[in-house]
PDB file of N, CA and C in Angstrom:
ATOM      1  N   UNK A   1      13.038  10.970 -13.563  1.00  0.00           N
ATOM      2  CA  UNK A   1      11.818  11.303 -12.845  1.00  0.00           C
ATOM      3  C   UNK A   1      11.219  12.561 -13.480  1.00  0.00           C
ATOM      4  N   UNK A   2       9.935  12.484 -13.764  1.00  0.00           N
ATOM      5  CA  UNK A   2       9.212  13.611 -14.346  1.00  0.00           C
ATOM      6  C   UNK A   2       8.303  14.245 -13.310  1.00  0.00           C
ATOM      7  N   UNK A   3       8.015  15.502 -13.482  1.00  0.00           N
ATOM      8  CA  UNK A   3       7.058  16.203 -12.622  1.00  0.00           C
ATOM      9  C   UNK A   3       5.835  16.501 -13.466  1.00  0.00           C
ATOM     10  N   UNK A   4       4.671  16.131 -12.945  1.00  0.00           N
ATOM     11  CA  UNK A   4       3.417  16.311 -13.675  1.00  0.00           C
ATOM     12  C   UNK A   4       2.512  17.273 -12.905  1.00  0.00           C
ATOM     13  N   UNK A   5       1.620  17.928 -13.632  1.00  0.00           N
ATOM     14  CA  UNK A   5       0.660  18.844 -13.022  1.00  0.00           C
ATOM     15  C   UNK A   5      -0.728  18.520 -13.548  1.00  0.00           C
ATOM     16  N   UNK A   6      -1.704  18.506 -12.646  1.00  0.00           N
ATOM     17  CA  UNK A   6      -3.106  18.293 -13.008  1.00  0.00           C
ATOM     18  C   UNK A   6      -3.956  19.315 -12.267  1.00  0.00           C
ATOM     19  N   UNK A   7      -5.040  19.717 -12.881  1.00  0.00           N
ATOM     20  CA  UNK A   7      -5.988  20.559 -12.155  1.00  0.00           C
ATOM     21  C   UNK A   7      -6.798  19.676 -11.217  1.00  0.00           C
ATOM     22  N   UNK A   8      -7.451  20.279 -10.246  1.00  0.00           N
ATOM     23  CA  UNK A   8      -8.312  19.518  -9.332  1.00  0.00           C
ATOM     24  C   UNK A   8      -9.403  18.800 -10.107  1.00  0.00           C
ATOM     25  N   UNK A   9      -9.939  19.452 -11.118  1.00  0.00           N
ATOM     26  CA  UNK A   9     -11.002  18.839 -11.923  1.00  0.00           C
ATOM     27  C   UNK A   9     -10.475  17.601 -12.655  1.00  0.00           C
ATOM     28  N   UNK A  10      -9.293  17.724 -13.281  1.00  0.00           N
ATOM     29  CA  UNK A  10      -8.695  16.574 -13.972  1.00  0.00           C
ATOM     30  C   UNK A  10      -8.445  15.430 -12.993  1.00  0.00           C
ATOM     31  N   UNK A  11      -7.928  15.769 -11.819  1.00  0.00           N
ATOM     32  CA  UNK A  11      -7.653  14.759 -10.803  1.00  0.00           C
ATOM     33  C   UNK A  11      -8.940  14.046 -10.394  1.00  0.00           C
ATOM     34  N   UNK A  12      -9.986  14.799 -10.110  1.00  0.00           N
ATOM     35  CA  UNK A  12     -11.261  14.205  -9.692  1.00  0.00           C
ATOM     36  C   UNK A  12     -11.877  13.332 -10.777  1.00  0.00           C
ATOM     37  N   UNK A  13     -11.686  13.700 -12.023  1.00  0.00           N
ATOM     38  CA  UNK A  13     -12.284  12.950 -13.129  1.00  0.00           C
ATOM     39  C   UNK A  13     -11.468  11.719 -13.525  1.00  0.00           C
ATOM     40  N   UNK A  14     -10.175  11.692 -13.191  1.00  0.00           N
ATOM     41  CA  UNK A  14      -9.332  10.568 -13.617  1.00  0.00           C
ATOM     42  C   UNK A  14      -8.233  10.286 -12.594  1.00  0.00           C
ATOM     43  N   UNK A  15      -8.626   9.770 -11.448  1.00  0.00           N
ATOM     44  CA  UNK A  15      -7.665   9.459 -10.384  1.00  0.00           C
ATOM     45  C   UNK A  15      -6.682   8.387 -10.855  1.00  0.00           C
ATOM     46  N   UNK A  16      -7.163   7.441 -11.651  1.00  0.00           N
ATOM     47  CA  UNK A  16      -6.291   6.377 -12.156  1.00  0.00           C
ATOM     48  C   UNK A  16      -5.125   6.929 -12.952  1.00  0.00           C
ATOM     49  N   UNK A  17      -5.394   7.921 -13.779  1.00  0.00           N
ATOM     50  CA  UNK A  17      -4.333   8.552 -14.563  1.00  0.00           C
ATOM     51  C   UNK A  17      -3.327   9.229 -13.643  1.00  0.00           C
ATOM     52  N   UNK A  18      -3.806   9.891 -12.605  1.00  0.00           N
ATOM     53  CA  UNK A  18      -2.909  10.561 -11.651  1.00  0.00           C
ATOM     54  C   UNK A  18      -2.021   9.534 -10.960  1.00  0.00           C
ATOM     55  N   UNK A  19      -2.578   8.383 -10.602  1.00  0.00           N
ATOM     56  CA  UNK A  19      -1.793   7.335  -9.956  1.00  0.00           C
ATOM     57  C   UNK A  19      -0.730   6.784 -10.904  1.00  0.00           C
ATOM     58  N   UNK A  20      -1.076   6.616 -12.167  1.00  0.00           N
ATOM     59  CA  UNK A  20      -0.089   6.142 -13.147  1.00  0.00           C
ATOM     60  C   UNK A  20       1.030   7.171 -13.320  1.00  0.00           C
ATOM     61  N   UNK A  21       0.662   8.444 -13.399  1.00  0.00           N
ATOM     62  CA  UNK A  21       1.679   9.489 -13.535  1.00  0.00           C
ATOM     63  C   UNK A  21       2.595   9.537 -12.322  1.00  0.00           C
ATOM     64  N   UNK A  22       2.038   9.281 -11.131  1.00  0.00           N
ATOM     65  CA  UNK A  22       2.829   9.335  -9.895  1.00  0.00           C
ATOM     66  C   UNK A  22       3.909   8.261  -9.866  1.00  0.00           C
ATOM     67  N   UNK A  23       3.715   7.182 -10.620  1.00  0.00           N
ATOM     68  CA  UNK A  23       4.751   6.154 -10.650  1.00  0.00           C
ATOM     69  C   UNK A  23       5.996   6.643 -11.387  1.00  0.00           C
ATOM     70  N   UNK A  24       5.854   7.737 -12.147  1.00  0.00           N
ATOM     71  CA  UNK A  24       6.972   8.324 -12.882  1.00  0.00           C
ATOM     72  C   UNK A  24       7.560   9.547 -12.173  1.00  0.00           C
ATOM     73  N   UNK A  25       6.865  10.068 -11.174  1.00  0.00           N
ATOM     74  CA  UNK A  25       7.330  11.242 -10.447  1.00  0.00           C
ATOM     75  C   UNK A  25       6.169  11.931  -9.765  1.00  0.00           C
ATOM     76  N   UNK A  26       6.420  12.986  -9.003  1.00  0.00           N
ATOM     77  CA  UNK A  26       5.352  13.661  -8.264  1.00  0.00           C
ATOM     78  C   UNK A  26       4.316  14.288  -9.195  1.00  0.00           C
ATOM     79  N   UNK A  27       3.069  14.283  -8.746  1.00  0.00           N
ATOM     80  CA  UNK A  27       1.974  14.904  -9.488  1.00  0.00           C
ATOM     81  C   UNK A  27       1.443  16.057  -8.642  1.00  0.00           C
ATOM     82  N   UNK A  28       1.588  17.272  -9.147  1.00  0.00           N
ATOM     83  CA  UNK A  28       1.072  18.449  -8.459  1.00  0.00           C
ATOM     84  C   UNK A  28      -0.377  18.649  -8.880  1.00  0.00           C
ATOM     85  N   UNK A  29      -1.261  18.770  -7.906  1.00  0.00           N
ATOM     86  CA  UNK A  29      -2.677  19.016  -8.171  1.00  0.00           C
ATOM     87  C   UNK A  29      -2.945  20.473  -7.818  1.00  0.00           C
ATOM     88  N   UNK A  30      -3.475  21.214  -8.790  1.00  0.00           N
ATOM     89  CA  UNK A  30      -3.665  22.652  -8.590  1.00  0.00           C
ATOM     90  C   UNK A  30      -5.117  22.997  -8.293  1.00  0.00           C
ATOM     91  N   UNK A  31      -5.299  24.030  -7.504  1.00  0.00           N
ATOM     92  CA  UNK A  31      -6.600  24.657  -7.249  1.00  0.00           C
ATOM     93  C   UNK A  31      -6.482  26.096  -7.728  1.00  0.00           C
ATOM     94  N   UNK A  32      -7.305  26.447  -8.702  1.00  0.00           N
ATOM     95  CA  UNK A  32      -7.290  27.799  -9.276  1.00  0.00           C
ATOM     96  C   UNK A  32      -5.894  28.206  -9.745  1.00  0.00           C
ATOM     97  N   UNK A  33      -5.200  27.242 -10.343  1.00  0.00           N
ATOM     98  CA  UNK A  33      -3.890  27.529 -10.925  1.00  0.00           C
ATOM     99  C   UNK A  33      -2.714  27.495  -9.968  1.00  0.00           C
ATOM    100  N   UNK A  34      -2.980  27.266  -8.690  1.00  0.00           N
ATOM    101  CA  UNK A  34      -1.894  27.224  -7.705  1.00  0.00           C
ATOM    102  C   UNK A  34      -1.729  25.816  -7.151  1.00  0.00           C
ATOM    103  N   UNK A  35      -0.500  25.331  -7.006  1.00  0.00           N
ATOM    104  CA  UNK A  35      -0.298  23.990  -6.447  1.00  0.00           C
ATOM    105  C   UNK A  35      -0.929  23.883  -5.053  1.00  0.00           C
ATOM    106  N   UNK A  36      -1.719  22.839  -4.856  1.00  0.00           N
ATOM    107  CA  UNK A  36      -2.404  22.648  -3.574  1.00  0.00           C
ATOM    108  C   UNK A  36      -2.052  21.312  -2.920  1.00  0.00           C
ATOM    109  N   UNK A  37      -1.771  20.302  -3.749  1.00  0.00           N
ATOM    110  CA  UNK A  37      -1.474  18.958  -3.233  1.00  0.00           C
ATOM    111  C   UNK A  37      -0.417  18.315  -4.119  1.00  0.00           C
ATOM    112  N   UNK A  38       0.244  17.291  -3.553  1.00  0.00           N
ATOM    113  CA  UNK A  38       1.213  16.516  -4.314  1.00  0.00           C
ATOM    114  C   UNK A  38       0.908  15.044  -4.098  1.00  0.00           C
ATOM    115  N   UNK A  39       0.821  14.299  -5.194  1.00  0.00           N
ATOM    116  CA  UNK A  39       0.593  12.857  -5.127  1.00  0.00           C
ATOM    117  C   UNK A  39       1.917  12.156  -5.382  1.00  0.00           C
ATOM    118  N   UNK A  40       2.299  11.266  -4.454  1.00  0.00           N
ATOM    119  CA  UNK A  40       3.538  10.492  -4.569  1.00  0.00           C
ATOM    120  C   UNK A  40       3.222   9.017  -4.371  1.00  0.00           C
ATOM    121  N   UNK A  41       4.076   8.148  -4.897  1.00  0.00           N
ATOM    122  CA  UNK A  41       3.958   6.734  -4.553  1.00  0.00           C
ATOM    123  C   UNK A  41       4.398   6.572  -3.101  1.00  0.00           C
ATOM    124  N   UNK A  42       3.963   5.511  -2.462  1.00  0.00           N
ATOM    125  CA  UNK A  42       4.346   5.283  -1.066  1.00  0.00           C
ATOM    126  C   UNK A  42       5.859   5.094  -0.949  1.00  0.00           C
ATOM    127  N   UNK A  43       6.472   4.478  -1.945  1.00  0.00           N
ATOM    128  CA  UNK A  43       7.926   4.282  -1.911  1.00  0.00           C
ATOM    129  C   UNK A  43       8.656   5.627  -1.939  1.00  0.00           C
ATOM    130  N   UNK A  44       8.185   6.535  -2.784  1.00  0.00           N
ATOM    131  CA  UNK A  44       8.822   7.859  -2.855  1.00  0.00           C
ATOM    132  C   UNK A  44       8.607   8.637  -1.560  1.00  0.00           C
ATOM    133  N   UNK A  45       7.409   8.536  -1.001  1.00  0.00           N
ATOM    134  CA  UNK A  45       7.123   9.203   0.271  1.00  0.00           C
ATOM    135  C   UNK A  45       8.049   8.673   1.364  1.00  0.00           C
ATOM    136  N   UNK A  46       8.181   7.352   1.447  1.00  0.00           N
ATOM    137  CA  UNK A  46       9.046   6.759   2.470  1.00  0.00           C
ATOM    138  C   UNK A  46      10.501   7.158   2.259  1.00  0.00           C
ATOM    139  N   UNK A  47      10.927   7.246   0.998  1.00  0.00           N
ATOM    140  CA  UNK A  47      12.294   7.672   0.725  1.00  0.00           C
ATOM    141  C   UNK A  47      12.516   9.105   1.197  1.00  0.00           C
ATOM    142  N   UNK A  48      11.545   9.975   0.919  1.00  0.00           N
ATOM    143  CA  UNK A  48      11.675  11.386   1.304  1.00  0.00           C
ATOM    144  C   UNK A  48      11.638  11.589   2.817  1.00  0.00           C
ATOM    145  N   UNK A  49      10.819  10.804   3.497  1.00  0.00           N
ATOM    146  CA  UNK A  49      10.671  10.982   4.941  1.00  0.00           C
ATOM    147  C   UNK A  49      11.629  10.119   5.742  1.00  0.00           C
ATOM    148  N   UNK A  50      12.313   9.203   5.078  1.00  0.00           N
ATOM    149  CA  UNK A  50      13.203   8.300   5.804  1.00  0.00           C
ATOM    150  C   UNK A  50      12.428   7.291   6.618  1.00  0.00           C
ATOM    151  N   UNK A  51      11.166   7.073   6.264  1.00  0.00           N
ATOM    152  CA  UNK A  51      10.298   6.161   7.016  1.00  0.00           C
ATOM    153  C   UNK A  51      10.625   4.724   6.643  1.00  0.00           C
ATOM    154  N   UNK A  52      11.381   4.072   7.487  1.00  0.00           N
ATOM    155  CA  UNK A  52      11.675   2.658   7.262  1.00  0.00           C
ATOM    156  C   UNK A  52      11.284   1.874   8.505  1.00  0.00           C
ATOM    157  N   UNK A  53      10.138   2.229   9.055  1.00  0.00           N
ATOM    158  CA  UNK A  53       9.685   1.589  10.278  1.00  0.00           C
ATOM    159  C   UNK A  53       9.052   0.240   9.981  1.00  0.00           C
ATOM    160  N   UNK A  54       9.209  -0.664  10.922  1.00  0.00           N
ATOM    161  CA  UNK A  54       8.552  -1.958  10.816  1.00  0.00           C
ATOM    162  C   UNK A  54       7.146  -1.834  11.393  1.00  0.00           C
ATOM    163  N   UNK A  55       6.345  -2.853  11.212  1.00  0.00           N
ATOM    164  CA  UNK A  55       4.994  -2.854  11.761  1.00  0.00           C
ATOM    165  C   UNK A  55       5.040  -2.753  13.287  1.00  0.00           C
ATOM    166  N   UNK A  56       6.069  -3.331  13.895  1.00  0.00           N
ATOM    167  CA  UNK A  56       6.217  -3.239  15.357  1.00  0.00           C
ATOM    168  C   UNK A  56       6.419  -1.786  15.769  1.00  0.00           C
ATOM    169  N   UNK A  57       7.253  -1.056  15.022  1.00  0.00           N
ATOM    170  CA  UNK A  57       7.477   0.360  15.313  1.00  0.00           C
ATOM    171  C   UNK A  57       6.184   1.161  15.148  1.00  0.00           C
ATOM    172  N   UNK A  58       5.428   0.840  14.093  1.00  0.00           N
ATOM    173  CA  UNK A  58       4.193   1.568  13.828  1.00  0.00           C
ATOM    174  C   UNK A  58       3.136   1.328  14.896  1.00  0.00           C
ATOM    175  N   UNK A  59       3.124   0.122  15.485  1.00  0.00           N
ATOM    176  CA  UNK A  59       2.118  -0.210  16.495  1.00  0.00           C
ATOM    177  C   UNK A  59       2.572   0.110  17.922  1.00  0.00           C
ATOM    178  N   UNK A  60       3.819   0.488  18.091  1.00  0.00           N
ATOM    179  CA  UNK A  60       4.340   0.796  19.424  1.00  0.00           C
ATOM    180  C   UNK A  60       3.613   2.001  20.010  1.00  0.00           C
ATOM    181  N   UNK A  61       3.510   1.995  21.321  1.00  0.00           N
ATOM    182  CA  UNK A  61       2.869   3.105  22.017  1.00  0.00           C
ATOM    183  C   UNK A  61       3.924   3.855  22.823  1.00  0.00           C
ATOM    184  N   UNK A  62       4.459   4.956  22.279  1.00  0.00           N
ATOM    185  CA  UNK A  62       5.438   5.711  23.063  1.00  0.00           C
ATOM    186  C   UNK A  62       4.830   6.136  24.400  1.00  0.00           C
ATOM    187  N   UNK A  63       5.578   5.956  25.460  1.00  0.00           N
ATOM    188  CA  UNK A  63       5.092   6.315  26.784  1.00  0.00           C
ATOM    189  C   UNK A  63       4.351   5.187  27.480  1.00  0.00           C
ATOM    190  N   UNK A  64       4.192   4.037  26.816  1.00  0.00           N
ATOM    191  CA  UNK A  64       3.445   2.924  27.398  1.00  0.00           C
ATOM    192  C   UNK A  64       4.138   2.365  28.632  1.00  0.00           C
ATOM    193  N   UNK A  65       5.439   2.563  28.725  1.00  0.00           N
ATOM    194  CA  UNK A  65       6.156   2.044  29.899  1.00  0.00           C
ATOM    195  C   UNK A  65       5.717   2.742  31.189  1.00  0.00           C
ATOM    196  N   UNK A  66       5.049   3.888  31.078  1.00  0.00           N
ATOM    197  CA  UNK A  66       4.571   4.620  32.254  1.00  0.00           C
ATOM    198  C   UNK A  66       3.184   4.174  32.703  1.00  0.00           C
ATOM    199  N   UNK A  67       2.551   3.273  31.964  1.00  0.00           N
ATOM    200  CA  UNK A  67       1.200   2.796  32.303  1.00  0.00           C
ATOM    201  C   UNK A  67       1.321   1.635  33.285  1.00  0.00           C
ATOM    202  N   UNK A  68       0.629   1.755  34.414  1.00  0.00           N
ATOM    203  CA  UNK A  68       0.610   0.669  35.392  1.00  0.00           C
ATOM    204  C   UNK A  68      -0.372  -0.398  34.911  1.00  0.00           C
ATOM    205  N   UNK A  69       0.131  -1.620  34.731  1.00  0.00           N
ATOM    206  CA  UNK A  69      -0.707  -2.713  34.258  1.00  0.00           C
ATOM    207  C   UNK A  69      -0.243  -3.991  34.925  1.00  0.00           C
ATOM    208  N   UNK A  70      -1.116  -4.603  35.669  1.00  0.00           N
ATOM    209  CA  UNK A  70      -0.828  -5.857  36.346  1.00  0.00           C
ATOM    210  C   UNK A  70      -1.819  -6.902  35.862  1.00  0.00           C
ATOM    211  N   UNK A  71      -1.463  -7.697  34.868  1.00  0.00           N
ATOM    212  CA  UNK A  71      -2.399  -8.713  34.390  1.00  0.00           C
ATOM    213  C   UNK A  71      -2.574  -9.812  35.434  1.00  0.00           C
ATOM    214  N   UNK A  72      -3.753 -10.448  35.463  1.00  0.00           N
ATOM    215  CA  UNK A  72      -3.961 -11.531  36.436  1.00  0.00           C
ATOM    216  C   UNK A  72      -3.094 -12.736  36.062  1.00  0.00           C
ATOM    217  N   UNK A  73      -2.690 -13.494  37.070  1.00  0.00           N
ATOM    218  CA  UNK A  73      -1.908 -14.699  36.826  1.00  0.00           C
ATOM    219  C   UNK A  73      -2.790 -15.721  36.125  1.00  0.00           C
ATOM    220  N   UNK A  74      -2.212 -16.518  35.277  1.00  0.00           N
ATOM    221  CA  UNK A  74      -2.967 -17.499  34.493  1.00  0.00           C
ATOM    222  C   UNK A  74      -3.760 -18.440  35.388  1.00  0.00           C
ATOM    223  N   UNK A  75      -3.209 -18.844  36.529  1.00  0.00           N
ATOM    224  CA  UNK A  75      -3.920 -19.750  37.438  1.00  0.00           C
ATOM    225  C   UNK A  75      -5.141 -19.099  38.055  1.00  0.00           C
ATOM    226  N   UNK A  76      -5.144 -17.802  38.199  1.00  0.00           N
ATOM    227  CA  UNK A  76      -6.248 -17.099  38.832  1.00  0.00           C
ATOM    228  C   UNK A  76      -7.475 -17.010  37.935  1.00  0.00           C
ATOM    229  N   UNK A  77      -7.330 -17.248  36.649  1.00  0.00           N
ATOM    230  CA  UNK A  77      -8.480 -17.116  35.756  1.00  0.00           C
ATOM    231  C   UNK A  77      -9.027 -18.463  35.306  1.00  0.00           C
ATOM    232  N   UNK A  78      -8.384 -19.568  35.724  1.00  0.00           N
ATOM    233  CA  UNK A  78      -8.902 -20.881  35.354  1.00  0.00           C
ATOM    234  C   UNK A  78      -9.928 -21.325  36.399  1.00  0.00           C
ATOM    235  N   UNK A  79     -10.858 -22.156  35.972  1.00  0.00           N
ATOM    236  CA  UNK A  79     -11.915 -22.669  36.846  1.00  0.00           C
ATOM    237  C   UNK A  79     -11.959 -24.192  36.734  1.00  0.00           C
ATOM    238  N   UNK A  80     -12.347 -24.861  37.823  1.00  0.00           N
ATOM    239  CA  UNK A  80     -12.467 -26.330  37.744  1.00  0.00           C
ATOM    240  C   UNK A  80     -13.566 -26.700  36.740  1.00  0.00           C
ATOM    241  N   UNK A  81     -13.343 -27.821  36.048  1.00  0.00           N
ATOM    242  CA  UNK A  81     -14.292 -28.295  35.059  1.00  0.00           C
ATOM    243  C   UNK A  81     -15.233 -29.297  35.688  1.00  0.00           C
ATOM    244  N   UNK A  82     -16.545 -29.168  35.440  1.00  0.00           N
ATOM    245  CA  UNK A  82     -17.538 -30.112  35.953  1.00  0.00           C
ATOM    246  C   UNK A  82     -17.954 -31.024  34.792  1.00  0.00           C
ATOM    247  N   UNK A  83     -17.477 -32.257  34.781  1.00  0.00           N
ATOM    248  CA  UNK A  83     -17.793 -33.209  33.728  1.00  0.00           C
ATOM    249  C   UNK A  83     -18.994 -34.083  34.089  1.00  0.00           C
ATOM    250  N   UNK A  84     -19.689 -33.774  35.131  1.00  0.00           N
ATOM    251  CA  UNK A  84     -20.769 -34.623  35.608  1.00  0.00           C
ATOM    252  C   UNK A  84     -22.074 -34.323  35.109  1.00  0.00           C
TER     253      UNK A  84
END
């Protein structure tokens, strides 16, 4: 794994190059010579954060069990059909 550095100007002018470099390791983007941002692949980010959530986990609403919700019964929303 390599570590790459780009200036903000280089990053803005060639985002594609930054993305290619990120596949080899983190890309530090500098502002006025100081590191300001880091570009990582999503796989590397997930590895670093331990994020192995499924889509169900991502869409879950913590605390939703405290919401009072009483959906109407299926029979209560049907209406007789008039075929005449």
